[in-house]
Amino acid sequence: MFKKAIKTTNRTQISGKDKKTIKKDLERFFNPDAVKDFLDSNEVIYCDKVSGGKQLIFSNEVNPLLVDATGKGDYLPSLYTCLLYTSPSPRDRQKSRMPSSA
């Protein structure tokens, strides 16, 4: 996907004050209950800084969870997080209105 691998430095485990700051920042954009569930289900979260940039990648033991593209708390959920923490909308539960011949 990328021409070169992304190099990261300074892997640190997020805890205490930093985790509270992330929680507060995420609650500005997302449902507070969903944020609580997200943080509770990812007890250990690591932060990796992208070499030569301000970008931060937050991950659990296996998958990337969030990306801070600016280093200023502008969090974007990763595709993994979007798939894991989204539920079908009411419209998705409705029968299709497309004719069966389409």
Protein backbone atom coordinates (compact mmCIF):
# COMPACT_ATOMS: atom_id res chain seq x y z
CA MET A 1 0.00 0.00 0.00
CA PHE A 2 2.79 2.43 0.90
CA LYS A 3 6.02 2.78 -1.05
CA LYS A 4 8.01 2.70 2.18
CA ALA A 5 7.18 1.42 5.63
CA ILE A 6 6.17 4.05 8.15
CA LYS A 7 8.87 4.42 10.78
CA THR A 8 7.85 5.23 14.31
CA THR A 9 9.73 6.22 17.43
CA ASN A 10 9.05 6.55 21.13
CA ARG A 11 6.44 3.84 21.77
CA THR A 12 4.84 4.63 25.10
CA GLN A 13 1.94 3.14 26.99
CA ILE A 14 -0.89 5.62 27.60
CA SER A 15 -2.18 5.76 31.15
CA GLY A 16 -3.45 8.07 33.85
CA LYS A 17 -3.55 11.73 32.88
CA ASP A 18 -2.87 11.06 29.17
CA LYS A 19 -5.72 8.54 28.94
CA LYS A 20 -8.08 11.05 30.60
CA THR A 21 -7.01 13.72 28.10
CA ILE A 22 -7.69 11.38 25.18
CA LYS A 23 -11.07 10.48 26.69
CA LYS A 24 -11.99 14.15 27.02
CA ASP A 25 -10.85 14.91 23.45
CA LEU A 26 -12.74 11.95 21.98
CA GLU A 27 -15.94 12.88 23.83
CA ARG A 28 -15.98 16.17 21.90
CA PHE A 29 -16.56 14.23 18.69
CA PHE A 30 -18.07 10.88 19.71
CA ASN A 31 -20.76 9.54 22.00
CA PRO A 32 -19.38 9.50 25.59
CA ASP A 33 -20.76 5.99 26.22
CA ALA A 34 -19.05 4.70 23.09
CA VAL A 35 -15.79 6.37 24.15
CA LYS A 36 -16.02 4.72 27.59
CA ASP A 37 -16.67 1.30 26.01
CA PHE A 38 -13.82 1.85 23.57
CA LEU A 39 -11.32 2.74 26.31
CA ASP A 40 -12.54 -0.01 28.64
CA SER A 41 -12.19 -2.67 25.93
CA ASN A 42 -8.67 -1.46 25.11
CA GLU A 43 -7.14 -1.44 28.55
CA VAL A 44 -3.62 -1.09 27.17
CA ILE A 45 -3.12 1.60 24.53
CA TYR A 46 0.23 2.54 23.06
CA CYS A 47 1.23 5.74 21.33
CA ASP A 48 3.81 5.74 18.52
CA LYS A 49 5.17 8.96 17.04
CA VAL A 50 5.81 8.90 13.30
CA SER A 51 9.47 9.65 12.56
CA GLY A 52 10.01 13.07 11.06
CA GLY A 53 6.44 14.24 11.68
CA LYS A 54 3.91 15.23 14.30
CA GLN A 55 1.53 12.35 13.62
CA LEU A 56 0.68 9.97 16.45
CA ILE A 57 -0.65 6.43 16.06
CA PHE A 58 -2.54 4.92 18.98
CA SER A 59 -2.83 1.14 19.03
CA ASN A 60 -3.58 -1.82 21.24
CA GLU A 61 -1.40 -4.94 21.24
CA VAL A 62 -2.44 -5.86 17.69
CA ASN A 63 -4.28 -3.14 15.77
CA PRO A 64 -4.09 0.59 15.17
CA LEU A 65 -7.03 2.31 16.86
CA LEU A 66 -6.68 6.05 16.32
CA VAL A 67 -4.49 8.42 14.35
CA ASP A 68 -3.78 11.99 15.40
CA ALA A 69 -2.78 13.45 12.05
CA THR A 70 -1.72 16.84 13.44
CA GLY A 71 -0.39 15.97 16.89
CA LYS A 72 -3.01 18.36 18.33
CA GLY A 73 -5.79 15.98 19.39
CA ASP A 74 -7.51 15.71 16.01
CA TYR A 75 -8.22 12.00 16.34
CA LEU A 76 -9.36 9.87 13.44
CA PRO A 77 -10.53 6.32 14.11
CA SER A 78 -8.74 3.63 12.13
CA LEU A 79 -10.69 1.39 9.78
CA TYR A 80 -10.34 -1.39 12.37
CA THR A 81 -11.99 0.81 15.01
CA CYS A 82 -14.76 1.92 12.65
CA LEU A 83 -15.65 -1.66 11.79
CA LEU A 84 -15.47 -2.88 15.37
CA TYR A 85 -17.41 -0.10 17.07
CA THR A 86 -20.15 0.71 14.57
CA SER A 87 -23.57 -0.81 14.56
CA PRO A 88 -26.04 -0.94 11.70
CA SER A 89 -28.15 2.16 11.25
CA PRO A 90 -31.95 1.80 11.40
CA ARG A 91 -31.98 2.24 7.62
CA ASP A 92 -29.65 -0.77 7.23
CA ARG A 93 -32.16 -2.94 9.08
CA GLN A 94 -35.00 -2.07 6.71
CA LYS A 95 -35.89 -4.24 3.78
CA SER A 96 -34.35 -3.14 0.54
CA ARG A 97 -36.61 -1.09 -1.68
CA MET A 98 -34.79 -2.25 -4.78
CA PRO A 99 -36.88 -4.49 -7.05
CA SER A 100 -35.70 -8.08 -7.09
CA SER A 101 -35.03 -7.85 -10.82
CA ALA A 102 -32.42 -5.09 -10.34
